[in-house]
Amino acid sequence: RGKFDIDEAAFSSNAKDTDNNTDSAEAAILYE
């Protein structure tokens, strides 16, 4: 999160809006 400057709060807020959308909730943020 720190290296890529990822806002955890933004993801948490977005998750509440997409609880019923499994595909969206599982979208890749990073590749390893």
PDB file of all heavy atoms in Angstrom:
ATOM      1  N   ARG A   1       0.845  -1.208   0.000  1.00  0.00           N
ATOM      2  CA  ARG A   1       0.000   0.000   0.000  1.00  0.00           C
ATOM      3  C   ARG A   1       0.873   1.247   0.000  1.00  0.00           C
ATOM      4  O   ARG A   1       0.596   2.224  -0.694  1.00  0.00           O
ATOM      5  CB  ARG A   1      -0.915   0.013   1.221  1.00  0.00           C
ATOM      6  CG  ARG A   1      -2.064  -0.978   1.169  1.00  0.00           C
ATOM      7  CD  ARG A   1      -3.092  -0.686   2.252  1.00  0.00           C
ATOM      8  NE  ARG A   1      -4.130  -1.699   2.274  1.00  0.00           N
ATOM      9  CZ  ARG A   1      -4.148  -2.737   3.087  1.00  0.00           C
ATOM     10  NH1 ARG A   1      -3.180  -2.896   3.973  1.00  0.00           N
ATOM     11  NH2 ARG A   1      -5.115  -3.622   3.038  1.00  0.00           N
ATOM     12  N   GLY A   2       1.941   1.189   0.808  1.00  0.00           N
ATOM     13  CA  GLY A   2       2.828   2.340   0.884  1.00  0.00           C
ATOM     14  C   GLY A   2       3.629   2.547  -0.378  1.00  0.00           C
ATOM     15  O   GLY A   2       3.764   3.676  -0.860  1.00  0.00           O
ATOM     16  N   LYS A   3       4.156   1.467  -0.950  1.00  0.00           N
ATOM     17  CA  LYS A   3       4.972   1.585  -2.148  1.00  0.00           C
ATOM     18  C   LYS A   3       4.188   2.125  -3.331  1.00  0.00           C
ATOM     19  O   LYS A   3       4.704   2.896  -4.142  1.00  0.00           O
ATOM     20  CB  LYS A   3       5.572   0.218  -2.516  1.00  0.00           C
ATOM     21  CG  LYS A   3       6.595  -0.311  -1.532  1.00  0.00           C
ATOM     22  CD  LYS A   3       7.829   0.570  -1.452  1.00  0.00           C
ATOM     23  CE  LYS A   3       8.860  -0.017  -0.515  1.00  0.00           C
ATOM     24  NZ  LYS A   3      10.045   0.894  -0.358  1.00  0.00           N
ATOM     25  N   PHE A   4       2.929   1.701  -3.464  1.00  0.00           N
ATOM     26  CA  PHE A   4       2.117   2.107  -4.614  1.00  0.00           C
ATOM     27  C   PHE A   4       1.129   3.225  -4.272  1.00  0.00           C
ATOM     28  O   PHE A   4       0.281   3.561  -5.091  1.00  0.00           O
ATOM     29  CB  PHE A   4       1.374   0.899  -5.182  1.00  0.00           C
ATOM     30  CG  PHE A   4       2.269  -0.060  -5.914  1.00  0.00           C
ATOM     31  CD1 PHE A   4       2.964  -1.053  -5.230  1.00  0.00           C
ATOM     32  CD2 PHE A   4       2.458   0.033  -7.281  1.00  0.00           C
ATOM     33  CE1 PHE A   4       3.813  -1.936  -5.886  1.00  0.00           C
ATOM     34  CE2 PHE A   4       3.304  -0.833  -7.955  1.00  0.00           C
ATOM     35  CZ  PHE A   4       3.987  -1.818  -7.254  1.00  0.00           C
ATOM     36  N   ASP A   5       1.251   3.773  -3.059  1.00  0.00           N
ATOM     37  CA  ASP A   5       0.391   4.876  -2.631  1.00  0.00           C
ATOM     38  C   ASP A   5      -1.083   4.527  -2.823  1.00  0.00           C
ATOM     39  O   ASP A   5      -1.864   5.274  -3.430  1.00  0.00           O
ATOM     40  CB  ASP A   5       0.739   6.147  -3.414  1.00  0.00           C
ATOM     41  CG  ASP A   5       0.111   7.385  -2.787  1.00  0.00           C
ATOM     42  OD1 ASP A   5      -0.178   7.366  -1.576  1.00  0.00           O
ATOM     43  OD2 ASP A   5      -0.102   8.380  -3.511  1.00  0.00           O
ATOM     44  N   ILE A   6      -1.460   3.363  -2.310  1.00  0.00           N
ATOM     45  CA  ILE A   6      -2.833   2.877  -2.443  1.00  0.00           C
ATOM     46  C   ILE A   6      -3.641   3.301  -1.225  1.00  0.00           C
ATOM     47  O   ILE A   6      -3.247   3.054  -0.086  1.00  0.00           O
ATOM     48  CB  ILE A   6      -2.854   1.347  -2.595  1.00  0.00           C
ATOM     49  CG1 ILE A   6      -2.184   0.953  -3.912  1.00  0.00           C
ATOM     50  CG2 ILE A   6      -4.288   0.809  -2.554  1.00  0.00           C
ATOM     51  CD1 ILE A   6      -1.973  -0.540  -4.067  1.00  0.00           C
ATOM     52  N   ASP A   7      -4.760   3.936  -1.464  1.00  0.00           N
ATOM     53  CA  ASP A   7      -5.620   4.453  -0.397  1.00  0.00           C
ATOM     54  C   ASP A   7      -6.553   3.347   0.085  1.00  0.00           C
ATOM     55  O   ASP A   7      -7.516   2.998  -0.593  1.00  0.00           O
ATOM     56  CB  ASP A   7      -6.426   5.643  -0.902  1.00  0.00           C
ATOM     57  CG  ASP A   7      -7.234   6.316   0.198  1.00  0.00           C
ATOM     58  OD1 ASP A   7      -7.293   5.776   1.316  1.00  0.00           O
ATOM     59  OD2 ASP A   7      -7.801   7.390  -0.070  1.00  0.00           O
ATOM     60  N   GLU A   8      -6.265   2.805   1.261  1.00  0.00           N
ATOM     61  CA  GLU A   8      -7.084   1.713   1.801  1.00  0.00           C
ATOM     62  C   GLU A   8      -8.518   2.165   2.032  1.00  0.00           C
ATOM     63  O   GLU A   8      -9.475   1.421   1.800  1.00  0.00           O
ATOM     64  CB  GLU A   8      -6.474   1.213   3.109  1.00  0.00           C
ATOM     65  CG  GLU A   8      -7.225   0.040   3.727  1.00  0.00           C
ATOM     66  CD  GLU A   8      -6.575  -0.439   5.021  1.00  0.00           C
ATOM     67  OE1 GLU A   8      -5.638   0.218   5.496  1.00  0.00           O
ATOM     68  OE2 GLU A   8      -7.028  -1.462   5.547  1.00  0.00           O
ATOM     69  N   ALA A   9      -8.698   3.401   2.475  1.00  0.00           N
ATOM     70  CA  ALA A   9     -10.049   3.900   2.758  1.00  0.00           C
ATOM     71  C   ALA A   9     -10.905   3.933   1.502  1.00  0.00           C
ATOM     72  O   ALA A   9     -12.084   3.617   1.521  1.00  0.00           O
ATOM     73  CB  ALA A   9      -9.970   5.294   3.371  1.00  0.00           C
ATOM     74  N   ALA A  10     -10.263   4.289   0.371  1.00  0.00           N
ATOM     75  CA  ALA A  10     -11.010   4.339  -0.891  1.00  0.00           C
ATOM     76  C   ALA A  10     -11.492   2.961  -1.283  1.00  0.00           C
ATOM     77  O   ALA A  10     -12.613   2.784  -1.748  1.00  0.00           O
ATOM     78  CB  ALA A  10     -10.128   4.923  -1.992  1.00  0.00           C
ATOM     79  N   PHE A  11     -10.648   1.933  -1.070  1.00  0.00           N
ATOM     80  CA  PHE A  11     -11.052   0.573  -1.403  1.00  0.00           C
ATOM     81  C   PHE A  11     -12.166   0.096  -0.482  1.00  0.00           C
ATOM     82  O   PHE A  11     -13.109  -0.556  -0.895  1.00  0.00           O
ATOM     83  CB  PHE A  11      -9.864  -0.375  -1.292  1.00  0.00           C
ATOM     84  CG  PHE A  11      -8.937  -0.290  -2.463  1.00  0.00           C
ATOM     85  CD1 PHE A  11      -7.629   0.102  -2.282  1.00  0.00           C
ATOM     86  CD2 PHE A  11      -9.372  -0.582  -3.730  1.00  0.00           C
ATOM     87  CE1 PHE A  11      -6.771   0.185  -3.352  1.00  0.00           C
ATOM     88  CE2 PHE A  11      -8.517  -0.499  -4.813  1.00  0.00           C
ATOM     89  CZ  PHE A  11      -7.216  -0.116  -4.621  1.00  0.00           C
ATOM     90  N   SER A  12     -12.046   0.432   0.804  1.00  0.00           N
ATOM     91  CA  SER A  12     -13.056   0.001   1.764  1.00  0.00           C
ATOM     92  C   SER A  12     -14.407   0.598   1.431  1.00  0.00           C
ATOM     93  O   SER A  12     -15.437  -0.058   1.479  1.00  0.00           O
ATOM     94  CB  SER A  12     -12.632   0.412   3.185  1.00  0.00           C
ATOM     95  OG  SER A  12     -11.429  -0.214   3.535  1.00  0.00           O
ATOM     96  N   SER A  13     -14.389   1.885   1.053  1.00  0.00           N
ATOM     97  CA  SER A  13     -15.632   2.553   0.684  1.00  0.00           C
ATOM     98  C   SER A  13     -16.226   1.958  -0.572  1.00  0.00           C
ATOM     99  O   SER A  13     -17.424   1.721  -0.670  1.00  0.00           O
ATOM    100  CB  SER A  13     -15.357   4.050   0.481  1.00  0.00           C
ATOM    101  OG  SER A  13     -16.507   4.698  -0.005  1.00  0.00           O
ATOM    102  N   ASN A  14     -15.365   1.662  -1.534  1.00  0.00           N
ATOM    103  CA  ASN A  14     -15.837   1.091  -2.787  1.00  0.00           C
ATOM    104  C   ASN A  14     -16.372  -0.315  -2.593  1.00  0.00           C
ATOM    105  O   ASN A  14     -17.313  -0.743  -3.249  1.00  0.00           O
ATOM    106  CB  ASN A  14     -14.688   1.086  -3.803  1.00  0.00           C
ATOM    107  CG  ASN A  14     -15.194   0.953  -5.228  1.00  0.00           C
ATOM    108  OD1 ASN A  14     -16.304   1.359  -5.542  1.00  0.00           O
ATOM    109  ND2 ASN A  14     -14.366   0.399  -6.093  1.00  0.00           N
ATOM    110  N   ALA A  15     -15.797  -1.062  -1.643  1.00  0.00           N
ATOM    111  CA  ALA A  15     -16.236  -2.428  -1.394  1.00  0.00           C
ATOM    112  C   ALA A  15     -17.684  -2.465  -0.931  1.00  0.00           C
ATOM    113  O   ALA A  15     -18.442  -3.367  -1.266  1.00  0.00           O
ATOM    114  CB  ALA A  15     -15.335  -3.075  -0.361  1.00  0.00           C
ATOM    115  N   LYS A  16     -18.101  -1.461  -0.155  1.00  0.00           N
ATOM    116  CA  LYS A  16     -19.478  -1.414   0.337  1.00  0.00           C
ATOM    117  C   LYS A  16     -20.461  -1.247  -0.806  1.00  0.00           C
ATOM    118  O   LYS A  16     -21.602  -1.694  -0.744  1.00  0.00           O
ATOM    119  CB  LYS A  16     -19.621  -0.251   1.327  1.00  0.00           C
ATOM    120  CG  LYS A  16     -18.812  -0.454   2.599  1.00  0.00           C
ATOM    121  CD  LYS A  16     -18.928   0.754   3.512  1.00  0.00           C
ATOM    122  CE  LYS A  16     -18.068   0.574   4.768  1.00  0.00           C
ATOM    123  NZ  LYS A  16     -18.141   1.764   5.646  1.00  0.00           N
ATOM    124  N   ASP A  17     -19.978  -0.570  -1.882  1.00  0.00           N
ATOM    125  CA  ASP A  17     -20.849  -0.332  -3.034  1.00  0.00           C
ATOM    126  C   ASP A  17     -20.903  -1.517  -3.977  1.00  0.00           C
ATOM    127  O   ASP A  17     -21.744  -1.587  -4.846  1.00  0.00           O
ATOM    128  CB  ASP A  17     -20.366   0.897  -3.813  1.00  0.00           C
ATOM    129  CG  ASP A  17     -20.424   2.159  -2.971  1.00  0.00           C
ATOM    130  OD1 ASP A  17     -21.271   2.209  -2.058  1.00  0.00           O
ATOM    131  OD2 ASP A  17     -19.618   3.077  -3.221  1.00  0.00           O
ATOM    132  N   THR A  18     -19.958  -2.476  -3.803  1.00  0.00           N
ATOM    133  CA  THR A  18     -19.855  -3.578  -4.762  1.00  0.00           C
ATOM    134  C   THR A  18     -19.934  -4.950  -4.093  1.00  0.00           C
ATOM    135  O   THR A  18     -19.413  -5.924  -4.596  1.00  0.00           O
ATOM    136  CB  THR A  18     -18.538  -3.475  -5.541  1.00  0.00           C
ATOM    137  OG1 THR A  18     -17.448  -3.490  -4.613  1.00  0.00           O
ATOM    138  CG2 THR A  18     -18.486  -2.204  -6.362  1.00  0.00           C
ATOM    139  N   ASP A  19     -20.583  -5.003  -2.925  1.00  0.00           N
ATOM    140  CA  ASP A  19     -20.655  -6.268  -2.188  1.00  0.00           C
ATOM    141  C   ASP A  19     -21.298  -7.374  -2.994  1.00  0.00           C
ATOM    142  O   ASP A  19     -20.957  -8.552  -2.842  1.00  0.00           O
ATOM    143  CB  ASP A  19     -21.445  -6.072  -0.884  1.00  0.00           C
ATOM    144  CG  ASP A  19     -20.599  -5.398   0.185  1.00  0.00           C
ATOM    145  OD1 ASP A  19     -19.358  -5.421   0.044  1.00  0.00           O
ATOM    146  OD2 ASP A  19     -21.172  -4.847   1.140  1.00  0.00           O
ATOM    147  N   ASN A  20     -22.219  -7.020  -3.871  1.00  0.00           N
ATOM    148  CA  ASN A  20     -22.932  -8.032  -4.634  1.00  0.00           C
ATOM    149  C   ASN A  20     -22.283  -8.318  -5.980  1.00  0.00           C
ATOM    150  O   ASN A  20     -22.795  -9.098  -6.763  1.00  0.00           O
ATOM    151  CB  ASN A  20     -24.386  -7.572  -4.861  1.00  0.00           C
ATOM    152  CG  ASN A  20     -25.133  -7.447  -3.547  1.00  0.00           C
ATOM    153  OD1 ASN A  20     -24.926  -8.247  -2.624  1.00  0.00           O
ATOM    154  ND2 ASN A  20     -26.002  -6.441  -3.443  1.00  0.00           N
ATOM    155  N   ASN A  21     -21.155  -7.684  -6.253  1.00  0.00           N
ATOM    156  CA  ASN A  21     -20.467  -7.864  -7.533  1.00  0.00           C
ATOM    157  C   ASN A  21     -19.175  -8.620  -7.290  1.00  0.00           C
ATOM    158  O   ASN A  21     -18.144  -8.034  -7.025  1.00  0.00           O
ATOM    159  CB  ASN A  21     -20.179  -6.495  -8.171  1.00  0.00           C
ATOM    160  CG  ASN A  21     -19.694  -6.639  -9.591  1.00  0.00           C
ATOM    161  OD1 ASN A  21     -19.130  -7.677  -9.954  1.00  0.00           O
ATOM    162  ND2 ASN A  21     -19.900  -5.607 -10.401  1.00  0.00           N
ATOM    163  N   THR A  22     -19.211  -9.928  -7.373  1.00  0.00           N
ATOM    164  CA  THR A  22     -18.050 -10.763  -7.058  1.00  0.00           C
ATOM    165  C   THR A  22     -16.886 -10.487  -7.971  1.00  0.00           C
ATOM    166  O   THR A  22     -15.749 -10.358  -7.539  1.00  0.00           O
ATOM    167  CB  THR A  22     -18.423 -12.256  -7.155  1.00  0.00           C
ATOM    168  OG1 THR A  22     -19.497 -12.513  -6.261  1.00  0.00           O
ATOM    169  CG2 THR A  22     -17.227 -13.122  -6.780  1.00  0.00           C
ATOM    170  N   ASP A  23     -17.113 -10.357  -9.280  1.00  0.00           N
ATOM    171  CA  ASP A  23     -16.035 -10.136 -10.226  1.00  0.00           C
ATOM    172  C   ASP A  23     -15.309  -8.840  -9.915  1.00  0.00           C
ATOM    173  O   ASP A  23     -14.090  -8.768  -9.927  1.00  0.00           O
ATOM    174  CB  ASP A  23     -16.571 -10.112 -11.658  1.00  0.00           C
ATOM    175  CG  ASP A  23     -17.056 -11.487 -12.094  1.00  0.00           C
ATOM    176  OD1 ASP A  23     -16.603 -12.478 -11.490  1.00  0.00           O
ATOM    177  OD2 ASP A  23     -17.876 -11.558 -13.015  1.00  0.00           O
ATOM    178  N   SER A  24     -16.069  -7.764  -9.653  1.00  0.00           N
ATOM    179  CA  SER A  24     -15.457  -6.485  -9.360  1.00  0.00           C
ATOM    180  C   SER A  24     -14.645  -6.540  -8.078  1.00  0.00           C
ATOM    181  O   SER A  24     -13.568  -5.995  -7.984  1.00  0.00           O
ATOM    182  CB  SER A  24     -16.558  -5.408  -9.249  1.00  0.00           C
ATOM    183  OG  SER A  24     -15.993  -4.167  -8.915  1.00  0.00           O
ATOM    184  N   ALA A  25     -15.200  -7.236  -7.056  1.00  0.00           N
ATOM    185  CA  ALA A  25     -14.526  -7.306  -5.763  1.00  0.00           C
ATOM    186  C   ALA A  25     -13.209  -8.054  -5.857  1.00  0.00           C
ATOM    187  O   ALA A  25     -12.326  -7.851  -5.034  1.00  0.00           O
ATOM    188  CB  ALA A  25     -15.443  -7.963  -4.737  1.00  0.00           C
ATOM    189  N   GLU A  26     -13.061  -8.926  -6.865  1.00  0.00           N
ATOM    190  CA  GLU A  26     -11.855  -9.735  -6.977  1.00  0.00           C
ATOM    191  C   GLU A  26     -10.879  -9.191  -8.021  1.00  0.00           C
ATOM    192  O   GLU A  26      -9.955  -9.877  -8.406  1.00  0.00           O
ATOM    193  CB  GLU A  26     -12.243 -11.178  -7.335  1.00  0.00           C
ATOM    194  CG  GLU A  26     -13.000 -11.906  -6.227  1.00  0.00           C
ATOM    195  CD  GLU A  26     -12.199 -11.970  -4.935  1.00  0.00           C
ATOM    196  OE1 GLU A  26     -10.987 -12.249  -4.990  1.00  0.00           O
ATOM    197  OE2 GLU A  26     -12.784 -11.717  -3.878  1.00  0.00           O
ATOM    198  N   ALA A  27     -11.112  -7.990  -8.490  1.00  0.00           N
ATOM    199  CA  ALA A  27     -10.226  -7.435  -9.518  1.00  0.00           C
ATOM    200  C   ALA A  27      -8.810  -7.286  -8.982  1.00  0.00           C
ATOM    201  O   ALA A  27      -8.591  -6.969  -7.818  1.00  0.00           O
ATOM    202  CB  ALA A  27     -10.754  -6.082  -9.985  1.00  0.00           C
ATOM    203  N   ALA A  28      -7.834  -7.512  -9.844  1.00  0.00           N
ATOM    204  CA  ALA A  28      -6.430  -7.416  -9.445  1.00  0.00           C
ATOM    205  C   ALA A  28      -6.027  -5.959  -9.261  1.00  0.00           C
ATOM    206  O   ALA A  28      -6.368  -5.096 -10.076  1.00  0.00           O
ATOM    207  CB  ALA A  28      -5.543  -8.066 -10.492  1.00  0.00           C
ATOM    208  N   ILE A  29      -5.317  -5.699  -8.171  1.00  0.00           N
ATOM    209  CA  ILE A  29      -4.742  -4.382  -7.926  1.00  0.00           C
ATOM    210  C   ILE A  29      -3.273  -4.392  -8.317  1.00  0.00           C
ATOM    211  O   ILE A  29      -2.775  -3.480  -8.962  1.00  0.00           O
ATOM    212  CB  ILE A  29      -4.890  -3.994  -6.435  1.00  0.00           C
ATOM    213  CG1 ILE A  29      -6.357  -4.061  -6.003  1.00  0.00           C
ATOM    214  CG2 ILE A  29      -4.316  -2.599  -6.198  1.00  0.00           C
ATOM    215  CD1 ILE A  29      -7.283  -3.186  -6.804  1.00  0.00           C
ATOM    216  N   LEU A  30      -2.569  -5.453  -7.910  1.00  0.00           N
ATOM    217  CA  LEU A  30      -1.167  -5.632  -8.260  1.00  0.00           C
ATOM    218  C   LEU A  30      -0.966  -7.032  -8.822  1.00  0.00           C
ATOM    219  O   LEU A  30      -1.765  -7.936  -8.567  1.00  0.00           O
ATOM    220  CB  LEU A  30      -0.268  -5.468  -7.019  1.00  0.00           C
ATOM    221  CG  LEU A  30      -0.312  -4.163  -6.246  1.00  0.00           C
ATOM    222  CD1 LEU A  30       0.591  -4.252  -5.021  1.00  0.00           C
ATOM    223  CD2 LEU A  30       0.101  -2.987  -7.120  1.00  0.00           C
ATOM    224  N   TYR A  31       0.117  -7.199  -9.583  1.00  0.00           N
ATOM    225  CA  TYR A  31       0.583  -8.520  -9.978  1.00  0.00           C
ATOM    226  C   TYR A  31       1.913  -8.781  -9.268  1.00  0.00           C
ATOM    227  O   TYR A  31       2.726  -7.875  -9.106  1.00  0.00           O
ATOM    228  CB  TYR A  31       0.802  -8.613 -11.483  1.00  0.00           C
ATOM    229  CG  TYR A  31      -0.460  -8.561 -12.307  1.00  0.00           C
ATOM    230  CD1 TYR A  31      -0.535  -7.778 -13.452  1.00  0.00           C
ATOM    231  CD2 TYR A  31      -1.575  -9.313 -11.941  1.00  0.00           C
ATOM    232  CE1 TYR A  31      -1.686  -7.738 -14.220  1.00  0.00           C
ATOM    233  CE2 TYR A  31      -2.728  -9.279 -12.706  1.00  0.00           C
ATOM    234  CZ  TYR A  31      -2.783  -8.491 -13.836  1.00  0.00           C
ATOM    235  OH  TYR A  31      -3.925  -8.455 -14.589  1.00  0.00           O
ATOM    236  N   GLU A  32       2.109 -10.028  -8.871  1.00  0.00           N
ATOM    237  CA  GLU A  32       3.350 -10.415  -8.200  1.00  0.00           C
ATOM    238  C   GLU A  32       3.978 -11.592  -8.943  1.00  0.00           C
ATOM    239  O   GLU A  32       3.296 -12.545  -9.300  1.00  0.00           O
ATOM    240  CB  GLU A  32       3.057 -10.834  -6.758  1.00  0.00           C
ATOM    241  CG  GLU A  32       4.275 -11.341  -5.996  1.00  0.00           C
ATOM    242  CD  GLU A  32       3.878 -12.037  -4.699  1.00  0.00           C
ATOM    243  OE1 GLU A  32       3.536 -13.251  -4.752  1.00  0.00           O
ATOM    244  OE2 GLU A  32       3.875 -11.368  -3.653  1.00  0.00           O
TER     245      GLU A  32
END
